[in-house]
Amino acid sequence: MPDNMETADLSKITIEKDAINNISASTARFYNVMPIKIERDSVVVAAHDPSNMKLLDDLRFASGLSIRMVAAKEDDIKKAIEKYYGKEEESLGQVIDEAEKSTCKVPAAGKVESDVDKLKEIASCAPVVKLLNMILLRAVREKASDIHFEPFEKDYKIRYRIDGICYDAVHPPRDLSLAISSRIKVMANLDVAENRLPQDGRIMIAIEGKAVDLRVSTLPTLYGESIVMRVLDKSVVSLSLDQIGMDEDIKLKIREIIKRPNGIFLTTGPTGSGKTTTLYSCLREINKIDYKIITTEDPVEYDIEGIIQVAINTKIDLSFAKTLRHILRQDPDIIMVGEIRDSETAEIAIQAALTGHLVFSTLHTNDSPGAVTRLLDMDVEPFLITSTVRAILAQRLVRKICVKCRKEYKPSESELSEFSISKEKIKGMKFYKGQGCPECNNSGYKGRTGLYELLLIDDKIRDLIIRHESLSAIRDAACRAGMKTLRENGLKKVVDGVTTIEEVLRETKEYV
């Protein structure tokens, strides 16, 4: 709580009903503030950090009122919100109706796209601020990873991506699209009048007292700007090898590898398969005062105390390769390169490993043996791969069965045949599916876990790489040495009742 600020003890004072009526439940919950009383023409509001001018401005926009803030304990504010507002909360439909009746909407015929002042005025319209806040609040509560704002000829859709799948959230009227996109741009410090070129921005905001990082991407389309917000809620991220669904034997092997003084550890898989989260988890395990750790990422997703993190900036030609060259002059022990995209980055990463550094990075390939082929395609010499790469981890994310509505079932013959397992093999095994309930939005799934395939580069694999043997030969040798494929790891999670056959098939379709 800030010093030298007027304070209020919410457990002892009387809250005025008129003050509560002036600030909606959704606004109070979103900003974690509690209205106390009406004083002249202002609403006095209790906040954990009353010196936060951005919060003051946002409250004025959201309420359309003059606000004076006083300091109060964060826990007391949360208790007061529950006590005085209860479970009541405006619905998205009510807020949309309010926005429709206001001057926020802009008809298709009303061309104001290039009028900066008009756009900022529309963006500051209280019902639009309230609507967007509610959309963000719901996204955080439902643990959405992305929010999609999509304009069409006669429709405007807002969708959440939850556990890797998109769900409809709300369809505001088409003529609110400009107001919503303008509000997002104002929050992300983007050019409000620029709607012909894509833009990228970032919003740092506190929602219900939790720090949330929103990455904003705009894209001009035929019927307006499509906007996607990546939601990075730091309070729900588990950056630990023990919490990402890894089997004990794989964890033990990875912990051995990341404690070595040099070499390269690669994670591979498609976009959104959790590669960066795995690398962050590894870094947190070895983040000790003894080591200097530097990362270069595009973008930096999570701040980790004690680690130097550098963001790639292509606008000023700050590439992975260029950053990596300069990182090596900073006397690091451990380096993380967000992605090896080209032969230049691969070459520098290998040189770093050869000169005594431990290097972590990612590649885009379907499985772990495929990463070897990818490096060879980048013109990396086989002897350099065998000298530096210690292990390659392929991974996917699958949805977990909702524990509230999980029930046992018998898989069909077609499911078993697609999974390449016979009825004899599954004798004694149990299979589960979620039936769908309010807890999981009737999807039958809640949360995600990882499938993993760890390829250790041993003498046999090194020999195959040197001899330019095929991908299948490397895979066969790895399996004989004990590597469990993504499919096999998936089957174990199916039998353990963690996920379904359908989910594993969906995420390992291309896998042979």
Protein backbone atom coordinates (compact mmCIF):
# COMPACT_ATOMS: atom_id res chain seq x y z
CA MET A 1 0.00 0.00 0.00
CA PRO A 2 1.49 3.41 -0.94
CA ASP A 3 2.74 5.72 1.85
CA ASN A 4 1.31 9.21 2.44
CA MET A 5 -2.03 8.30 0.87
CA GLU A 6 -5.48 8.60 2.38
CA THR A 7 -6.47 5.12 3.56
CA ALA A 8 -9.76 3.38 4.23
CA ASP A 9 -10.37 0.35 6.43
CA LEU A 10 -13.14 -1.40 4.49
CA SER A 11 -13.86 -3.76 7.39
CA LYS A 12 -14.92 -0.82 9.60
CA ILE A 13 -16.49 1.84 7.38
CA THR A 14 -20.02 1.95 6.00
CA ILE A 15 -20.24 1.62 2.22
CA GLU A 16 -22.83 3.93 0.60
CA LYS A 17 -25.36 2.23 -1.65
CA ASP A 18 -25.33 5.19 -4.07
CA ALA A 19 -21.59 4.68 -4.61
CA ILE A 20 -22.11 0.98 -5.40
CA ASN A 21 -24.86 1.88 -7.88
CA ASN A 22 -22.44 4.13 -9.79
CA ILE A 23 -19.77 1.45 -10.40
CA SER A 24 -20.89 -1.80 -12.03
CA ALA A 25 -19.97 -5.20 -10.59
CA SER A 26 -17.93 -6.10 -13.68
CA THR A 27 -15.91 -2.86 -13.45
CA ALA A 28 -15.26 -3.34 -9.70
CA ARG A 29 -14.14 -6.94 -10.24
CA PHE A 30 -12.04 -6.20 -13.33
CA TYR A 31 -10.03 -3.40 -11.68
CA ASN A 32 -10.26 -4.86 -8.15
CA VAL A 33 -11.64 -1.61 -6.68
CA MET A 34 -14.48 -0.86 -4.26
CA PRO A 35 -16.64 2.29 -4.41
CA ILE A 36 -17.11 3.75 -0.89
CA LYS A 37 -19.12 6.97 -1.04
CA ILE A 38 -20.25 9.95 -3.12
CA GLU A 39 -18.33 13.12 -2.31
CA ARG A 40 -19.53 16.27 -4.06
CA ASP A 41 -19.46 15.28 -7.76
CA SER A 42 -17.00 12.39 -7.36
CA VAL A 43 -17.17 8.71 -6.46
CA VAL A 44 -14.57 7.80 -3.82
CA VAL A 45 -13.06 4.42 -4.72
CA ALA A 46 -10.77 2.18 -2.65
CA ALA A 47 -7.83 0.69 -4.59
CA HIS A 48 -4.67 -1.18 -3.64
CA ASP A 49 -2.52 1.36 -5.53
CA PRO A 50 -4.28 4.76 -5.68
CA SER A 51 -1.18 6.39 -7.20
CA ASN A 52 -1.72 4.38 -10.42
CA MET A 53 -2.82 7.13 -12.85
CA LYS A 54 -3.60 4.62 -15.60
CA LEU A 55 -6.06 2.88 -13.29
CA LEU A 56 -7.65 6.26 -12.48
CA ASP A 57 -8.05 7.08 -16.19
CA ASP A 58 -9.46 3.62 -16.96
CA LEU A 59 -12.01 3.93 -14.14
CA ARG A 60 -13.10 7.33 -15.42
CA PHE A 61 -13.54 5.90 -18.92
CA ALA A 62 -15.37 2.78 -17.73
CA SER A 63 -17.74 4.62 -15.39
CA GLY A 64 -18.01 7.99 -17.16
CA LEU A 65 -17.68 9.61 -13.71
CA SER A 66 -15.22 11.72 -11.76
CA ILE A 67 -13.18 9.41 -9.50
CA ARG A 68 -11.12 10.01 -6.35
CA MET A 69 -9.05 7.07 -5.09
CA VAL A 70 -8.01 6.10 -1.57
CA ALA A 71 -5.81 3.23 -0.43
CA ALA A 72 -7.08 -0.06 1.00
CA LYS A 73 -5.75 -3.58 1.53
CA GLU A 74 -6.12 -5.85 -1.52
CA ASP A 75 -7.78 -8.68 0.46
CA ASP A 76 -10.23 -6.23 2.07
CA ILE A 77 -11.23 -4.96 -1.40
CA LYS A 78 -11.92 -8.50 -2.65
CA LYS A 79 -14.00 -9.30 0.44
CA ALA A 80 -15.98 -6.07 0.06
CA ILE A 81 -16.71 -6.79 -3.61
CA GLU A 82 -18.07 -10.23 -2.71
CA LYS A 83 -20.08 -8.83 0.21
CA TYR A 84 -21.69 -5.87 -1.53
CA TYR A 85 -21.96 -7.10 -5.13
CA GLY A 86 -22.49 -10.78 -4.35
CA LYS A 87 -22.60 -13.06 -7.38
CA GLU A 88 -24.47 -10.52 -9.49
CA GLU A 89 -22.70 -9.44 -12.62
CA GLU A 90 -23.89 -7.83 -15.81
CA SER A 91 -24.13 -10.17 -18.76
CA LEU A 92 -22.25 -9.49 -21.98
CA GLY A 93 -25.66 -9.06 -23.63
CA GLN A 94 -26.59 -6.21 -21.25
CA VAL A 95 -23.29 -4.40 -21.85
CA ILE A 96 -23.67 -4.82 -25.64
CA ASP A 97 -27.21 -3.35 -25.45
CA GLU A 98 -25.82 -0.41 -23.49
CA ALA A 99 -23.07 0.13 -26.10
CA GLU A 100 -25.63 -0.09 -28.93
CA LYS A 101 -27.78 2.64 -27.39
CA SER A 102 -24.77 4.93 -26.94
CA THR A 103 -22.85 7.00 -29.50
CA CYS A 104 -20.08 4.36 -29.59
CA LYS A 105 -21.22 2.60 -32.73
CA VAL A 106 -20.15 3.78 -36.17
CA PRO A 107 -22.30 2.84 -39.19
CA ALA A 108 -20.51 1.37 -42.20
CA ALA A 109 -21.35 4.52 -44.14
CA GLY A 110 -19.76 6.81 -41.53
CA LYS A 111 -16.13 6.99 -42.61
CA VAL A 112 -14.11 8.09 -39.57
CA GLU A 113 -11.21 5.63 -39.93
CA SER A 114 -8.68 8.40 -40.60
CA ASP A 115 -10.02 10.89 -38.00
CA VAL A 116 -7.71 10.26 -35.04
CA ASP A 117 -9.63 12.46 -32.57
CA LYS A 118 -12.97 10.86 -33.45
CA LEU A 119 -11.49 7.36 -33.17
CA LYS A 120 -10.02 8.14 -29.75
CA GLU A 121 -13.36 9.57 -28.65
CA ILE A 122 -15.14 6.39 -29.73
CA ALA A 123 -12.46 4.27 -28.01
CA SER A 124 -13.03 6.15 -24.73
CA CYS A 125 -16.78 5.59 -24.82
CA ALA A 126 -17.72 4.11 -21.41
CA PRO A 127 -19.90 1.21 -22.69
CA VAL A 128 -17.13 0.10 -25.11
CA VAL A 129 -14.52 0.22 -22.32
CA LYS A 130 -16.87 -1.82 -20.13
CA LEU A 131 -17.58 -4.32 -22.93
CA LEU A 132 -13.90 -4.95 -23.68
CA ASN A 133 -13.10 -5.22 -19.96
CA MET A 134 -15.79 -7.87 -19.56
CA ILE A 135 -14.46 -9.80 -22.58
CA LEU A 136 -10.96 -9.74 -21.04
CA LEU A 137 -12.28 -10.70 -17.60
CA ARG A 138 -14.11 -13.73 -19.01
CA ALA A 139 -11.02 -14.74 -21.02
CA VAL A 140 -8.83 -14.74 -17.89
CA ARG A 141 -11.43 -16.60 -15.83
CA GLU A 142 -11.89 -19.28 -18.49
CA LYS A 143 -8.10 -19.53 -18.98
CA ALA A 144 -8.28 -18.63 -22.68
CA SER A 145 -4.91 -18.47 -24.45
CA ASP A 146 -6.15 -16.15 -27.22
CA ILE A 147 -9.07 -13.82 -27.97
CA HIS A 148 -10.09 -13.42 -31.63
CA PHE A 149 -11.97 -10.32 -32.88
CA GLU A 150 -13.17 -11.16 -36.41
CA PRO A 151 -15.07 -8.82 -38.78
CA PHE A 152 -17.26 -10.24 -41.57
CA GLU A 153 -19.61 -8.62 -44.08
CA LYS A 154 -22.72 -8.83 -41.87
CA ASP A 155 -21.33 -10.10 -38.60
CA TYR A 156 -18.68 -9.45 -35.96
CA LYS A 157 -17.45 -12.47 -33.99
CA ILE A 158 -15.46 -12.67 -30.78
CA ARG A 159 -14.03 -16.10 -29.99
CA TYR A 160 -11.86 -17.56 -27.22
CA ARG A 161 -9.23 -20.25 -27.73
CA ILE A 162 -9.40 -22.51 -24.68
CA ASP A 163 -7.21 -25.60 -24.41
CA GLY A 164 -6.27 -25.23 -28.09
CA ILE A 165 -9.86 -25.10 -29.42
CA CYS A 166 -11.81 -21.97 -30.48
CA TYR A 167 -15.21 -21.27 -28.89
CA ASP A 168 -17.77 -18.57 -29.71
CA ALA A 169 -17.89 -15.93 -26.97
CA VAL A 170 -20.20 -13.21 -28.24
CA HIS A 171 -21.38 -11.56 -31.48
CA PRO A 172 -21.57 -7.78 -30.93
CA PRO A 173 -23.34 -5.71 -33.63
CA ARG A 174 -21.21 -5.12 -36.74
CA ASP A 175 -21.24 -1.34 -36.17
CA LEU A 176 -19.37 -1.71 -32.85
CA SER A 177 -16.33 -3.26 -34.56
CA LEU A 178 -14.54 0.06 -35.16
CA ALA A 179 -15.10 1.18 -31.56
CA ILE A 180 -13.75 -2.12 -30.17
CA SER A 181 -10.69 -2.20 -32.46
CA SER A 182 -9.96 1.48 -31.66
CA ARG A 183 -10.15 0.76 -27.93
CA ILE A 184 -7.71 -2.15 -28.26
CA LYS A 185 -5.29 0.01 -30.28
CA VAL A 186 -5.42 2.81 -27.69
CA MET A 187 -4.66 0.31 -24.91
CA ALA A 188 -1.77 -1.21 -26.92
CA ASN A 189 -0.32 2.19 -27.92
CA LEU A 190 -0.82 1.46 -31.63
CA ASP A 191 -1.62 3.93 -34.42
CA VAL A 192 -5.40 4.29 -34.14
CA ALA A 193 -5.80 5.71 -37.65
CA GLU A 194 -3.66 3.03 -39.37
CA ASN A 195 -5.94 0.30 -40.71
CA ARG A 196 -4.12 -0.60 -43.93
CA LEU A 197 -1.04 -2.24 -42.41
CA PRO A 198 -0.67 -4.97 -39.75
CA GLN A 199 0.47 -3.76 -36.32
CA ASP A 200 1.81 -5.50 -33.21
CA GLY A 201 1.55 -4.22 -29.66
CA ARG A 202 1.45 -5.17 -26.01
CA ILE A 203 -0.88 -4.39 -23.10
CA MET A 204 0.22 -4.86 -19.49
CA ILE A 205 -2.86 -4.85 -17.28
CA ALA A 206 -4.09 -6.03 -13.88
CA ILE A 207 -7.32 -8.03 -14.03
CA GLU A 208 -8.90 -8.99 -10.69
CA GLY A 209 -5.59 -8.10 -9.07
CA LYS A 210 -3.59 -10.48 -11.33
CA ALA A 211 -0.87 -9.28 -13.72
CA VAL A 212 -1.86 -10.16 -17.29
CA ASP A 213 0.26 -9.58 -20.39
CA LEU A 214 -1.69 -9.22 -23.65
CA ARG A 215 0.12 -9.47 -27.01
CA VAL A 216 -1.92 -7.71 -29.72
CA SER A 217 -1.77 -8.41 -33.46
CA THR A 218 -3.90 -6.54 -36.01
CA LEU A 219 -4.46 -7.62 -39.62
CA PRO A 220 -6.36 -5.65 -42.30
CA THR A 221 -9.08 -7.77 -43.94
CA LEU A 222 -11.81 -7.24 -46.52
CA TYR A 223 -14.33 -6.11 -43.88
CA GLY A 224 -12.17 -4.41 -41.25
CA GLU A 225 -9.34 -5.34 -38.95
CA SER A 226 -8.98 -8.83 -37.53
CA ILE A 227 -7.37 -8.61 -34.08
CA VAL A 228 -5.91 -11.43 -32.00
CA MET A 229 -4.87 -10.96 -28.37
CA ARG A 230 -2.55 -13.59 -26.87
CA VAL A 231 -3.36 -13.84 -23.15
CA LEU A 232 -0.35 -14.51 -20.90
CA ASP A 233 -1.72 -14.84 -17.37
CA LYS A 234 1.34 -15.23 -15.19
CA SER A 235 -0.70 -16.54 -12.27
CA VAL A 236 -1.72 -19.75 -14.08
CA VAL A 237 1.55 -20.64 -15.82
CA SER A 238 3.45 -23.59 -14.34
CA LEU A 239 7.10 -23.23 -15.27
CA SER A 240 8.20 -26.50 -13.70
CA LEU A 241 9.18 -29.86 -15.19
CA ASP A 242 7.03 -31.49 -12.50
CA GLN A 243 3.85 -29.78 -13.69
CA ILE A 244 3.82 -30.15 -17.48
CA GLY A 245 2.79 -33.81 -17.71
CA MET A 246 6.21 -35.37 -18.22
CA ASP A 247 6.83 -39.03 -17.31
CA GLU A 248 9.37 -39.65 -14.52
CA ASP A 249 11.93 -41.41 -16.75
CA ILE A 250 11.95 -38.51 -19.27
CA LYS A 251 12.26 -35.95 -16.45
CA LEU A 252 15.25 -37.78 -14.97
CA LYS A 253 17.05 -37.89 -18.33
CA ILE A 254 16.34 -34.19 -19.05
CA ARG A 255 17.58 -33.19 -15.60
CA GLU A 256 20.85 -35.03 -16.31
CA ILE A 257 21.23 -33.27 -19.69
CA ILE A 258 20.56 -29.73 -18.43
CA LYS A 259 23.16 -30.10 -15.69
CA ARG A 260 25.94 -30.72 -18.22
CA PRO A 261 28.42 -27.85 -18.78
CA ASN A 262 27.96 -27.69 -22.56
CA GLY A 263 26.03 -29.01 -25.55
CA ILE A 264 22.68 -28.34 -27.21
CA PHE A 265 19.24 -29.40 -25.98
CA LEU A 266 16.48 -28.97 -28.60
CA THR A 267 12.70 -29.05 -28.28
CA THR A 268 10.66 -29.55 -31.43
CA GLY A 269 7.02 -29.50 -32.49
CA PRO A 270 4.45 -27.24 -34.19
CA THR A 271 3.55 -23.72 -33.04
CA GLY A 272 1.66 -23.80 -29.75
CA SER A 273 2.91 -27.21 -28.63
CA GLY A 274 4.52 -25.88 -25.44
CA LYS A 275 8.18 -25.90 -26.56
CA THR A 276 9.04 -22.55 -24.96
CA THR A 277 7.28 -23.49 -21.70
CA THR A 278 9.43 -26.64 -21.51
CA LEU A 279 12.62 -24.63 -22.05
CA TYR A 280 11.56 -22.05 -19.42
CA SER A 281 10.94 -24.93 -17.01
CA CYS A 282 14.46 -26.24 -17.67
CA LEU A 283 15.97 -22.78 -17.16
CA ARG A 284 14.16 -22.34 -13.85
CA GLU A 285 15.63 -25.64 -12.61
CA ILE A 286 19.19 -24.46 -13.26
CA ASN A 287 18.69 -20.76 -12.53
CA LYS A 288 21.26 -20.45 -9.74
CA ILE A 289 23.48 -17.56 -8.67
CA ASP A 290 26.48 -19.55 -10.00
CA TYR A 291 25.37 -19.24 -13.64
CA LYS A 292 24.94 -16.35 -16.06
CA ILE A 293 21.89 -17.16 -18.21
CA ILE A 294 20.88 -15.09 -21.27
CA THR A 295 17.91 -15.72 -23.57
CA THR A 296 16.95 -14.25 -26.93
CA GLU A 297 13.27 -14.61 -27.79
CA ASP A 298 10.61 -13.42 -30.24
CA PRO A 299 8.88 -12.13 -28.18
CA VAL A 300 9.92 -12.51 -24.52
CA GLU A 301 6.91 -14.35 -23.08
CA TYR A 302 7.60 -14.52 -19.34
CA ASP A 303 9.92 -12.52 -17.13
CA ILE A 304 12.14 -14.77 -15.01
CA GLU A 305 14.03 -13.28 -12.08
CA GLY A 306 17.81 -13.62 -12.45
CA ILE A 307 17.83 -14.25 -16.21
CA ILE A 308 18.87 -11.68 -18.84
CA GLN A 309 16.20 -11.72 -21.57
CA VAL A 310 16.56 -10.05 -24.98
CA ALA A 311 13.64 -9.46 -27.38
CA ILE A 312 14.19 -9.90 -31.12
CA ASN A 313 13.28 -6.81 -33.19
CA THR A 314 13.20 -7.41 -36.94
CA LYS A 315 12.30 -3.75 -37.61
CA ILE A 316 15.84 -2.73 -36.65
CA ASP A 317 17.46 -5.93 -37.99
CA LEU A 318 17.97 -7.40 -34.52
CA SER A 319 17.78 -11.06 -35.54
CA PHE A 320 18.47 -14.26 -33.58
CA ALA A 321 21.85 -14.61 -35.27
CA LYS A 322 22.96 -11.02 -34.58
CA THR A 323 21.76 -11.14 -30.96
CA LEU A 324 23.42 -14.50 -30.38
CA ARG A 325 26.77 -13.16 -31.60
CA HIS A 326 26.61 -10.34 -29.05
CA ILE A 327 25.34 -12.62 -26.26
CA LEU A 328 28.54 -14.66 -26.58
CA ARG A 329 30.51 -11.51 -25.68
CA GLN A 330 28.52 -11.16 -22.44
CA ASP A 331 30.29 -14.10 -20.75
CA PRO A 332 27.24 -16.39 -20.41
CA ASP A 333 27.23 -19.95 -19.09
CA ILE A 334 23.81 -20.89 -20.47
CA ILE A 335 22.05 -19.51 -23.56
CA MET A 336 18.50 -19.95 -24.81
CA VAL A 337 17.75 -19.13 -28.46
CA GLY A 338 13.99 -18.85 -29.06
CA GLU A 339 14.20 -20.66 -32.39
CA ILE A 340 16.84 -21.87 -34.85
CA ARG A 341 15.37 -20.55 -38.10
CA ASP A 342 18.34 -20.49 -40.46
CA SER A 343 21.83 -21.87 -41.04
CA GLU A 344 23.52 -18.75 -39.61
CA THR A 345 21.74 -19.11 -36.23
CA ALA A 346 22.40 -22.88 -36.24
CA GLU A 347 26.11 -22.30 -36.92
CA ILE A 348 26.52 -19.77 -34.08
CA ALA A 349 24.56 -21.99 -31.64
CA ILE A 350 26.86 -24.92 -32.48
CA GLN A 351 29.97 -22.77 -32.07
CA ALA A 352 28.63 -21.64 -28.68
CA ALA A 353 28.17 -25.27 -27.60
CA LEU A 354 31.67 -26.18 -28.85
CA THR A 355 33.21 -23.33 -26.83
CA GLY A 356 31.78 -24.54 -23.53
CA HIS A 357 28.24 -23.16 -23.36
CA LEU A 358 24.98 -24.99 -22.66
CA VAL A 359 22.50 -24.00 -25.39
CA PHE A 360 18.71 -24.45 -25.40
CA SER A 361 16.63 -23.88 -28.53
CA THR A 362 13.58 -24.96 -30.57
CA LEU A 363 12.97 -26.26 -34.09
CA HIS A 364 9.81 -26.84 -36.12
CA THR A 365 9.70 -30.55 -37.03
CA ASN A 366 7.13 -33.33 -36.58
CA ASP A 367 9.20 -35.59 -34.35
CA SER A 368 12.58 -35.75 -32.63
CA PRO A 369 14.52 -37.64 -35.37
CA GLY A 370 13.19 -35.06 -37.87
CA ALA A 371 15.21 -32.37 -36.06
CA VAL A 372 18.43 -34.06 -37.24
CA THR A 373 17.23 -33.89 -40.86
CA ARG A 374 16.24 -30.24 -40.38
CA LEU A 375 19.73 -29.34 -39.17
CA LEU A 376 21.29 -31.20 -42.13
CA ASP A 377 18.98 -29.22 -44.45
CA MET A 378 20.45 -26.07 -42.91
CA ASP A 379 23.87 -27.24 -44.13
CA VAL A 380 25.12 -28.13 -40.66
CA GLU A 381 27.88 -30.71 -40.96
CA PRO A 382 26.99 -34.13 -39.49
CA PHE A 383 30.11 -34.20 -37.29
CA LEU A 384 29.06 -30.86 -35.73
CA ILE A 385 25.58 -32.22 -34.92
CA THR A 386 27.04 -35.32 -33.27
CA SER A 387 29.61 -33.25 -31.33
CA THR A 388 27.10 -30.79 -29.84
CA VAL A 389 23.47 -32.01 -29.77
CA ARG A 390 22.85 -33.97 -26.55
CA ALA A 391 19.10 -34.65 -26.88
CA ILE A 392 15.99 -33.68 -28.86
CA LEU A 393 12.55 -33.54 -27.24
CA ALA A 394 9.47 -33.65 -29.50
CA GLN A 395 6.18 -32.63 -27.92
CA ARG A 396 2.46 -31.97 -28.41
CA LEU A 397 -0.29 -30.62 -26.17
CA VAL A 398 -3.48 -32.65 -25.69
CA ARG A 399 -6.62 -31.76 -23.76
CA LYS A 400 -7.20 -33.49 -20.43
CA ILE A 401 -10.49 -35.22 -19.65
CA CYS A 402 -12.67 -33.15 -17.29
CA VAL A 403 -12.51 -34.87 -13.89
CA LYS A 404 -16.01 -33.65 -12.99
CA CYS A 405 -17.79 -35.51 -15.81
CA ARG A 406 -15.33 -38.32 -16.64
CA LYS A 407 -16.91 -41.72 -17.34
CA GLU A 408 -15.58 -45.07 -18.46
CA TYR A 409 -16.43 -46.24 -22.00
CA LYS A 410 -15.48 -48.90 -24.54
CA PRO A 411 -13.56 -47.62 -27.57
CA SER A 412 -14.86 -48.58 -31.02
CA GLU A 413 -12.98 -50.91 -33.36
CA SER A 414 -12.26 -48.02 -35.75
CA GLU A 415 -10.63 -46.01 -32.92
CA LEU A 416 -8.48 -48.98 -31.93
CA SER A 417 -7.45 -49.76 -35.51
CA GLU A 418 -6.50 -46.13 -36.16
CA PHE A 419 -4.42 -46.28 -32.99
CA SER A 420 -2.89 -49.56 -34.26
CA ILE A 421 -3.84 -51.55 -31.16
CA SER A 422 -5.81 -54.79 -31.01
CA LYS A 423 -8.65 -55.80 -28.68
CA GLU A 424 -6.36 -58.42 -27.12
CA LYS A 425 -3.78 -55.79 -26.25
CA ILE A 426 -6.28 -53.62 -24.35
CA LYS A 427 -7.63 -56.42 -22.13
CA GLY A 428 -7.78 -55.15 -18.57
CA MET A 429 -7.27 -51.53 -19.68
CA LYS A 430 -9.84 -48.82 -18.90
CA PHE A 431 -10.75 -45.95 -21.22
CA TYR A 432 -12.50 -42.71 -20.27
CA LYS A 433 -14.36 -39.81 -21.87
CA GLY A 434 -15.80 -36.56 -20.53
CA GLN A 435 -19.60 -36.37 -20.83
CA GLY A 436 -19.68 -32.56 -20.82
CA CYS A 437 -20.68 -30.33 -17.89
CA PRO A 438 -20.77 -26.60 -16.95
CA GLU A 439 -17.26 -26.92 -15.47
CA CYS A 440 -15.76 -27.73 -18.92
CA ASN A 441 -18.17 -25.71 -21.13
CA ASN A 442 -19.78 -29.04 -22.12
CA SER A 443 -16.64 -30.02 -24.04
CA GLY A 444 -15.66 -32.98 -21.84
CA TYR A 445 -12.15 -31.54 -21.50
CA LYS A 446 -10.52 -29.21 -18.97
CA GLY A 447 -6.87 -28.14 -19.14
CA ARG A 448 -4.00 -29.57 -21.20
CA THR A 449 -1.00 -31.82 -20.72
CA GLY A 450 2.01 -32.73 -22.85
CA LEU A 451 2.99 -35.76 -24.94
CA TYR A 452 6.76 -36.22 -25.09
CA GLU A 453 9.32 -38.14 -27.16
CA LEU A 454 12.94 -37.86 -26.06
CA LEU A 455 15.74 -38.80 -28.48
CA LEU A 456 19.09 -39.17 -26.74
CA ILE A 457 22.07 -38.82 -29.08
CA ASP A 458 24.10 -41.90 -28.16
CA ASP A 459 27.01 -43.55 -30.04
CA LYS A 460 24.70 -45.61 -32.28
CA ILE A 461 22.66 -42.51 -33.31
CA ARG A 462 25.89 -40.53 -33.86
CA ASP A 463 27.14 -43.24 -36.20
CA LEU A 464 23.87 -43.15 -38.22
CA ILE A 465 24.02 -39.33 -38.50
CA ILE A 466 27.65 -39.40 -39.69
CA ARG A 467 26.71 -41.99 -42.32
CA HIS A 468 23.73 -39.86 -43.50
CA GLU A 469 21.29 -42.69 -42.71
CA SER A 470 17.57 -42.15 -43.28
CA LEU A 471 15.11 -40.66 -40.81
CA SER A 472 13.41 -44.05 -40.32
CA ALA A 473 16.76 -45.71 -39.54
CA ILE A 474 17.45 -43.11 -36.83
CA ARG A 475 13.93 -43.54 -35.43
CA ASP A 476 14.19 -47.35 -35.38
CA ALA A 477 17.56 -47.23 -33.61
CA ALA A 478 16.20 -44.75 -31.04
CA CYS A 479 13.16 -46.98 -30.37
CA ARG A 480 15.39 -50.02 -29.91
CA ALA A 481 17.41 -47.99 -27.39
CA GLY A 482 14.22 -47.29 -25.40
CA MET A 483 12.71 -44.13 -26.89
CA LYS A 484 8.92 -43.97 -26.46
CA THR A 485 7.25 -42.32 -29.45
CA LEU A 486 4.61 -39.59 -29.16
CA ARG A 487 1.91 -42.17 -29.95
CA GLU A 488 3.20 -44.55 -27.27
CA ASN A 489 3.37 -41.76 -24.70
CA GLY A 490 -0.17 -40.80 -25.77
CA LEU A 491 -1.44 -44.36 -25.26
CA LYS A 492 0.01 -44.36 -21.72
CA LYS A 493 -1.89 -41.15 -20.93
CA VAL A 494 -5.07 -42.63 -22.43
CA VAL A 495 -4.78 -45.74 -20.25
CA ASP A 496 -4.00 -43.56 -17.21
CA GLY A 497 -7.33 -41.78 -17.82
CA VAL A 498 -5.65 -38.41 -18.49
CA THR A 499 -6.78 -37.93 -22.12
CA THR A 500 -8.71 -39.68 -24.89
CA ILE A 501 -7.79 -41.74 -27.96
CA GLU A 502 -9.43 -39.03 -30.08
CA GLU A 503 -7.15 -36.31 -28.65
CA VAL A 504 -3.95 -38.32 -29.15
CA LEU A 505 -4.95 -39.16 -32.74
CA ARG A 506 -5.73 -35.50 -33.45
CA GLU A 507 -2.32 -34.33 -32.24
CA THR A 508 -0.22 -37.15 -33.76
CA LYS A 509 -2.01 -37.50 -37.12
CA GLU A 510 1.04 -36.77 -39.24
CA TYR A 511 3.19 -38.98 -37.07
CA VAL A 512 4.25 -42.30 -38.59
